[in-house]
Structures are given as structure tokens and as C-alpha cells.
């Protein structure tokens, strides 16, 4: 053994050898009493229940669970019964047995609605690790059987030539991208129809405009547009933070978003839920489809 140690020491950089030796000694130590007691906080000694699973993230949930799970205590928002999803489904047409890619499922509320609507395969990708784990809790509580949740960056997934999907659902993610135009272009490679709910830059008062930098001229694969950026700031202090993996928001103008969709082949564009006075800034929903004729429509 001594010969092996001597040989290893001679072959390795001295600093690396001593660093490895120190790590080995550290790993051999028994956990301190403080460490042992802190590990116990991850044990739940009560009777197993759905509420016990939800309470792992108590105070972080955004969604209120629907019947028959409405007695459970989670969040306050009706994301399991979202009118925006119902509108998207009405625009998609027949979804029975079809596939859909969902970007940023948050807590699985929209995933639940998509599966119940008849999609045969829902692939949902979530970059926030807490949100991903909450999606798994939702899957267990509601019994989702055609939905698969992945943890990771969906931009990197889309850049890696994934399979085609019958539809893509992108609620609340476009304005978190460093390059929103890139996301739209990537979506054009994997689907012929996409749902988007997003904020857009159209401040109606100084409060809505506060904190944004810009306008910043941008160009992506020949598409020229304007960006407005804002750091997340105090939003990062919230345990249930549901933003993106970057420093802040990147917003586009409404007309630029629609023009970008057309530029990358989505010519049948329908909009709804225009909310200029949304508490977090102007927002609207879009269903965009590929085709040969432009059919811009605004629906209530």
C-alpha cells in the first residue's frame, strides 16, 4: 500500500495530491452531532398523505388544486382550471392521442389540463429544480399517466434536434429568455402549432416602465427587433421564485412577437386575453400555426 501511495504521489501534481488526500480524510470522518441533527429535519414522522407531500414546499406553491383534490392546501391561483388553456385547446382542434411539448410546467397544473383534454403524450421540461419536484408531487397526487417531466434547460433540449410534436405549449416563458426570437425559431423546427402566453413591452404608466433598460436593437437570423431588459431584483428573494435561469426578463413589443412568429413560418395567428392592465405588465395569448395564408384574428 505504501508503494502505491508513493507512486501516486510521484505521478500527480503535488497540489492535486494533497487536495485529494484532504478530501479523503474529510469523507472518512463521522458526521458531527450538528450534521446528524440537521439530517433529521428531512424526515416526516406523520401518517403518509398528499398534504404531507405538498407541505415539503409549504409557502412556495402558486397553484390551487382542483376537485377532487380541492381540500388540499397549496397555492391560490387556478392554474389547474385555467381559461387560457381551455382557449388554446379550442384552437388546437382534435388533440386525442397527440403529442405536446410543454415548456416551463411550473407545478404541473397546465400539464394536468392537457392530459385530461386527451393528449396521449405530454413532455414537460422545467429548469427550476423546486418547480420540477413540485411537478412530480402533482403527478403523484393527480395520477397523471401520459405526462413525463424532465428537469433541465429546454433551450438546450430544443437545440439538440428533438423529435417533432403535434403542438407546443409555452405559457409564461418567452419573456424569461435571453433571446426570445431564438426560442420562437427553435419552436418552428419542432411543431406546426404553438400556444404562447407572454408579457410584452407596452408600459401604460411609469410604474410599469420602471427598471427596464432599452430599447436595445437586436437581430436573430435576419429578424430585426427591439428588446427591453429588466433584472429580477427582489423577486429572487421569494422562495417560490418562478423566473428563468438568467439574470432577468427580456421583453419584446407585441408587434415584434407577432412579426417574429410570421418570419419563422407561423402565418395563421390568433390572439386573445389581451390584458394591458395585468398586475405584472401587459400580456396576451397567441395560438400560431403554420400554413400558406395569414389569418390574423383577435378573439375574446
Protein backbone atom coordinates (compact mmCIF):
# COMPACT_ATOMS: atom_id res chain seq x y z
CA UNK A 1 0.00 0.00 0.00
CA UNK A 2 2.86 2.35 0.85
CA UNK A 3 4.42 1.69 -2.57
CA UNK A 4 1.11 2.52 -4.28
CA UNK A 5 0.78 5.78 -2.33
CA UNK A 6 4.36 6.73 -3.14
CA UNK A 7 3.81 6.01 -6.85
CA UNK A 8 0.59 8.03 -6.89
CA UNK A 9 2.28 10.95 -5.12
CA UNK A 10 5.10 10.95 -7.64
CA UNK A 11 2.77 10.93 -10.64
CA UNK A 12 0.31 13.61 -9.51
CA UNK A 13 0.73 17.34 -9.31
CA UNK A 14 1.61 17.99 -5.60
CA UNK A 15 -1.30 20.35 -5.07
CA UNK A 16 -3.75 17.85 -6.58
CA UNK A 17 -2.33 15.01 -4.47
CA UNK A 18 -2.70 16.90 -1.20
CA UNK A 19 -6.18 18.13 -2.17
CA UNK A 20 -7.28 14.55 -2.82
CA UNK A 21 -5.72 13.40 0.45
CA UNK A 22 -7.58 16.11 2.35
CA UNK A 23 -10.87 15.16 0.66
CA UNK A 24 -10.32 11.50 1.54
CA UNK A 25 -9.75 12.36 5.22
CA UNK A 26 -12.87 14.52 5.23
CA UNK A 27 -15.01 11.74 3.79
CA UNK A 28 -13.74 9.31 6.42
CA UNK A 29 -14.93 11.46 9.32
CA UNK A 30 -18.15 10.58 11.11
CA UNK A 31 -20.94 13.16 10.85
CA UNK A 32 -20.81 15.72 13.64
CA UNK A 33 -23.79 15.90 16.05
CA UNK A 34 -24.85 19.12 14.30
CA UNK A 35 -24.85 17.38 10.92
CA UNK A 36 -26.77 14.42 12.31
CA UNK A 37 -29.50 16.58 13.81
CA UNK A 38 -29.83 18.65 10.64
CA UNK A 39 -30.38 15.47 8.62
CA UNK A 40 -33.38 14.59 10.78
CA UNK A 41 -35.31 17.62 9.53
CA UNK A 42 -35.78 15.77 6.22
CA UNK A 43 -37.78 13.02 7.92
CA UNK A 44 -41.57 13.15 8.20
CA UNK A 45 -42.89 11.11 11.12
CA UNK A 46 -46.61 11.65 10.50
CA UNK A 47 -49.10 9.49 8.62
CA UNK A 48 -48.44 9.42 4.86
CA UNK A 49 -50.71 11.78 2.91
CA UNK A 50 -50.90 14.01 -0.13
CA UNK A 51 -50.83 17.04 2.15
CA UNK A 52 -47.58 15.86 3.68
CA UNK A 53 -46.03 15.85 0.20
CA UNK A 54 -47.36 19.34 -0.55
CA UNK A 55 -46.02 20.63 2.76
CA UNK A 56 -42.45 19.86 1.69
CA UNK A 57 -42.77 23.14 -0.22
CA UNK A 58 -45.20 24.91 2.13
CA UNK A 59 -45.44 28.59 1.29
CA UNK A 60 -43.96 28.09 -2.19
CA UNK A 61 -46.97 26.77 -4.11
CA UNK A 62 -48.66 29.05 -6.63
CA UNK A 63 -51.45 26.67 -7.71
CA UNK A 64 -54.71 25.68 -6.08
CA UNK A 65 -55.60 22.05 -6.74
CA UNK A 66 -58.95 21.33 -8.46
CA UNK A 67 -61.71 18.92 -7.39
CA UNK A 68 -61.46 16.19 -6.24
CA UNK A 69 -58.25 17.50 -4.64
CA UNK A 70 -59.54 20.92 -3.62
CA UNK A 71 -59.37 20.13 0.10
CA UNK A 72 -55.58 20.12 -0.17
CA UNK A 73 -53.75 23.26 0.93
CA UNK A 74 -51.31 24.60 -1.66
CA UNK A 75 -51.45 27.92 -3.57
CA UNK A 76 -54.22 30.31 -4.60
CA UNK A 77 -54.04 30.53 -8.42
CA UNK A 78 -56.40 28.49 -10.59
CA UNK A 79 -53.71 27.03 -12.84
CA UNK A 80 -55.42 23.60 -12.87
CA UNK A 81 -58.58 25.28 -14.22
CA UNK A 82 -57.04 27.94 -16.44
CA UNK A 83 -59.24 29.62 -19.06
CA UNK A 84 -56.15 30.28 -21.20
CA UNK A 85 -55.59 26.53 -21.54
CA UNK A 86 -59.22 25.96 -22.47
CA UNK A 87 -58.90 28.61 -25.18
CA UNK A 88 -55.71 27.02 -26.51
CA UNK A 89 -57.44 23.65 -26.69
CA UNK A 90 -60.32 25.18 -28.63
CA UNK A 91 -57.82 26.48 -31.20
CA UNK A 92 -55.77 23.28 -31.46
CA UNK A 93 -58.74 21.21 -32.60
CA UNK A 94 -58.70 17.43 -32.11
CA UNK A 95 -55.92 16.56 -29.64
CA UNK A 96 -56.89 12.95 -28.90
CA UNK A 97 -53.78 10.78 -28.71
CA UNK A 98 -51.50 13.55 -29.97
CA UNK A 99 -48.18 14.74 -28.58
CA UNK A 100 -47.40 18.09 -26.98
CA UNK A 101 -44.24 19.67 -25.62
CA UNK A 102 -44.77 21.92 -22.62
CA UNK A 103 -42.14 24.48 -21.68
CA UNK A 104 -41.95 25.52 -18.04
CA UNK A 105 -44.77 23.50 -16.41
CA UNK A 106 -44.15 25.22 -13.03
CA UNK A 107 -46.26 22.93 -10.82
CA UNK A 108 -47.97 20.73 -13.39
CA UNK A 109 -51.37 22.45 -13.40
CA UNK A 110 -51.39 23.02 -17.15
CA UNK A 111 -49.90 19.57 -17.72
CA UNK A 112 -52.88 18.15 -15.83
CA UNK A 113 -55.31 20.02 -18.08
CA UNK A 114 -53.51 18.97 -21.26
CA UNK A 115 -53.54 15.29 -20.34
CA UNK A 116 -57.19 15.41 -19.28
CA UNK A 117 -58.04 17.06 -22.62
CA UNK A 118 -56.84 13.92 -24.41
CA UNK A 119 -53.20 14.43 -25.36
CA UNK A 120 -51.62 11.00 -25.49
CA UNK A 121 -48.16 12.28 -24.65
CA UNK A 122 -47.23 15.39 -22.65
CA UNK A 123 -43.49 16.05 -22.33
CA UNK A 124 -42.90 18.92 -19.89
CA UNK A 125 -39.46 20.45 -19.28
CA UNK A 126 -38.77 22.53 -16.16
CA UNK A 127 -35.47 24.31 -15.40
CA UNK A 128 -36.29 25.26 -11.79
CA UNK A 129 -35.42 22.29 -9.56
CA UNK A 130 -38.00 23.14 -6.88
CA UNK A 131 -40.69 23.55 -9.53
CA UNK A 132 -39.64 20.24 -11.09
CA UNK A 133 -40.03 18.42 -7.78
CA UNK A 134 -43.43 20.06 -7.28
CA UNK A 135 -44.44 18.74 -10.71
CA UNK A 136 -43.56 15.23 -9.54
CA UNK A 137 -45.71 15.71 -6.44
CA UNK A 138 -48.58 16.86 -8.67
CA UNK A 139 -48.12 13.83 -10.90
CA UNK A 140 -48.31 11.51 -7.89
CA UNK A 141 -51.36 13.21 -6.35
CA UNK A 142 -53.41 13.52 -9.55
CA UNK A 143 -52.34 10.21 -11.11
CA UNK A 144 -51.03 11.59 -14.40
CA UNK A 145 -50.12 8.66 -16.63
CA UNK A 146 -49.35 10.23 -20.01
CA UNK A 147 -47.16 13.08 -18.75
CA UNK A 148 -43.40 12.97 -18.34
CA UNK A 149 -41.49 15.71 -16.55
CA UNK A 150 -37.84 16.44 -17.33
CA UNK A 151 -35.53 18.67 -15.30
CA UNK A 152 -33.29 20.92 -17.38
CA UNK A 153 -32.98 23.79 -19.83
CA UNK A 154 -35.50 23.44 -22.67
CA UNK A 155 -33.45 25.73 -24.93
CA UNK A 156 -30.59 23.21 -24.83
CA UNK A 157 -33.11 20.43 -25.47
CA UNK A 158 -34.53 22.25 -28.50
CA UNK A 159 -31.05 22.97 -29.88
CA UNK A 160 -30.32 19.24 -29.91
CA UNK A 161 -32.71 18.32 -32.76
CA UNK A 162 -35.53 16.72 -30.73
CA UNK A 163 -38.46 14.87 -32.34
CA UNK A 164 -41.45 16.69 -33.77
CA UNK A 165 -44.54 17.40 -31.67
CA UNK A 166 -48.14 17.94 -32.71
CA UNK A 167 -48.19 21.11 -30.59
CA UNK A 168 -46.08 23.14 -28.17
CA UNK A 169 -47.40 24.89 -25.06
CA UNK A 170 -45.29 27.81 -23.80
CA UNK A 171 -47.02 29.70 -21.00
CA UNK A 172 -45.03 32.34 -19.17
CA UNK A 173 -41.60 31.57 -20.60
CA UNK A 174 -40.93 33.75 -23.66
CA UNK A 175 -40.15 36.90 -21.66
CA UNK A 176 -37.66 34.99 -19.46
CA UNK A 177 -35.44 34.14 -22.44
CA UNK A 178 -32.19 35.96 -23.20
CA UNK A 179 -33.19 35.71 -26.87
CA UNK A 180 -36.97 35.33 -27.28
CA UNK A 181 -36.56 35.23 -31.06
CA UNK A 182 -34.32 32.18 -30.79
CA UNK A 183 -37.00 30.33 -28.83
CA UNK A 184 -39.60 31.10 -31.50
CA UNK A 185 -37.24 29.92 -34.23
CA UNK A 186 -36.48 26.70 -32.33
CA UNK A 187 -40.18 26.04 -31.88
CA UNK A 188 -40.70 26.41 -35.62
CA UNK A 189 -38.35 23.44 -36.07
CA UNK A 190 -40.35 21.05 -33.87
CA UNK A 191 -44.04 21.87 -34.40
CA UNK A 192 -46.64 23.34 -36.72
CA UNK A 193 -48.71 24.94 -33.94
CA UNK A 194 -47.78 26.68 -30.73
CA UNK A 195 -49.56 28.31 -27.81
CA UNK A 196 -47.84 31.24 -26.11
CA UNK A 197 -48.89 33.35 -23.15
CA UNK A 198 -46.45 36.18 -22.60
CA UNK A 199 -45.88 39.67 -21.34
CA UNK A 200 -44.96 42.32 -23.89
CA UNK A 201 -43.44 45.77 -23.61
CA UNK A 202 -46.17 48.41 -23.71
CA UNK A 203 -45.98 50.36 -20.44
CA UNK A 204 -49.12 52.33 -19.64
CA UNK A 205 -47.60 54.19 -16.71
CA UNK A 206 -44.17 54.98 -15.18
CA UNK A 207 -44.52 52.13 -12.70
CA UNK A 208 -44.78 49.53 -15.48
CA UNK A 209 -41.74 51.02 -17.24
CA UNK A 210 -39.61 51.26 -14.10
CA UNK A 211 -36.42 49.19 -14.12
CA UNK A 212 -36.37 48.36 -17.82
CA UNK A 213 -33.33 49.19 -19.93
CA UNK A 214 -33.59 49.77 -23.62
CA UNK A 215 -34.66 49.92 -26.31
CA UNK A 216 -31.91 47.56 -27.45
CA UNK A 217 -31.71 46.77 -31.14
CA UNK A 218 -31.39 43.03 -31.78
CA UNK A 219 -31.14 40.70 -34.76
CA UNK A 220 -31.56 36.93 -34.91
CA UNK A 221 -31.13 35.00 -38.15
CA UNK A 222 -32.14 38.04 -40.17
CA UNK A 223 -35.08 39.08 -37.99
CA UNK A 224 -34.61 42.60 -36.59
CA UNK A 225 -36.44 43.55 -33.42
CA UNK A 226 -36.21 45.53 -30.19
CA UNK A 227 -35.60 44.21 -26.67
CA UNK A 228 -36.21 45.66 -23.22
CA UNK A 229 -34.42 44.09 -20.25
CA UNK A 230 -35.04 44.16 -16.50
CA UNK A 231 -33.23 42.37 -13.63
CA UNK A 232 -35.26 40.08 -11.39
CA UNK A 233 -34.18 42.08 -8.35
CA UNK A 234 -36.22 41.38 -5.21
CA UNK A 235 -38.17 38.62 -6.96
CA UNK A 236 -35.16 36.37 -6.32
CA UNK A 237 -35.80 36.62 -2.57
CA UNK A 238 -39.11 34.75 -2.84
CA UNK A 239 -38.83 31.02 -2.04
CA UNK A 240 -41.37 30.27 -4.77
CA UNK A 241 -39.49 32.26 -7.44
CA UNK A 242 -40.64 31.04 -10.85
CA UNK A 243 -38.45 33.01 -13.24
CA UNK A 244 -35.88 31.76 -15.70
CA UNK A 245 -32.24 30.71 -15.26
CA UNK A 246 -30.82 34.08 -16.34
CA UNK A 247 -30.46 37.45 -14.62
CA UNK A 248 -33.83 38.85 -15.55
CA UNK A 249 -36.62 39.42 -18.03
CA UNK A 250 -36.26 40.20 -21.74
CA UNK A 251 -39.43 41.66 -23.21
CA UNK A 252 -40.40 42.32 -26.81
CA UNK A 253 -43.08 44.58 -28.22
CA UNK A 254 -46.35 42.90 -29.13
CA UNK A 255 -45.92 43.68 -32.82
CA UNK A 256 -42.39 42.25 -32.79
CA UNK A 257 -43.58 38.98 -31.24
CA UNK A 258 -46.23 38.56 -33.93
CA UNK A 259 -43.80 39.56 -36.69
CA UNK A 260 -41.24 37.06 -35.37
CA UNK A 261 -43.78 34.24 -35.50
CA UNK A 262 -44.58 35.11 -39.11
CA UNK A 263 -40.90 35.40 -40.02
CA UNK A 264 -40.30 31.83 -38.85
CA UNK A 265 -43.31 30.37 -40.65
CA UNK A 266 -46.31 30.71 -38.32
CA UNK A 267 -48.70 32.59 -40.58
CA UNK A 268 -52.09 31.68 -39.07
CA UNK A 269 -52.02 33.77 -35.87
CA UNK A 270 -54.85 34.12 -33.36
CA UNK A 271 -54.71 36.21 -30.19
CA UNK A 272 -56.84 36.53 -27.08
CA UNK A 273 -56.75 37.52 -23.40
CA UNK A 274 -55.25 40.94 -24.08
CA UNK A 275 -54.52 42.30 -20.61
CA UNK A 276 -52.91 45.72 -20.80
CA UNK A 277 -53.51 46.20 -17.07
CA UNK A 278 -52.16 42.84 -15.91
CA UNK A 279 -50.51 43.43 -12.49
CA UNK A 280 -47.14 42.25 -13.80
CA UNK A 281 -47.33 44.13 -17.10
CA UNK A 282 -49.24 43.92 -20.41
CA UNK A 283 -49.86 40.34 -21.55
CA UNK A 284 -51.70 38.34 -24.21
CA UNK A 285 -52.14 34.83 -25.54
CA UNK A 286 -51.34 33.51 -29.01
CA UNK A 287 -52.03 30.36 -30.96
CA UNK A 288 -49.88 30.37 -34.09
CA UNK A 289 -49.98 27.76 -36.85
CA UNK A 290 -48.02 27.14 -39.98
CA UNK A 291 -49.82 27.41 -43.28
CA UNK A 292 -49.93 29.31 -46.54
CA UNK A 293 -52.35 32.14 -45.76
CA UNK A 294 -52.13 34.72 -42.99
CA UNK A 295 -55.28 34.73 -40.81
CA UNK A 296 -54.58 37.17 -38.00
CA UNK A 297 -57.51 37.17 -35.63
CA UNK A 298 -58.24 38.65 -32.26
CA UNK A 299 -60.70 36.72 -30.14
CA UNK A 300 -62.28 37.46 -26.79
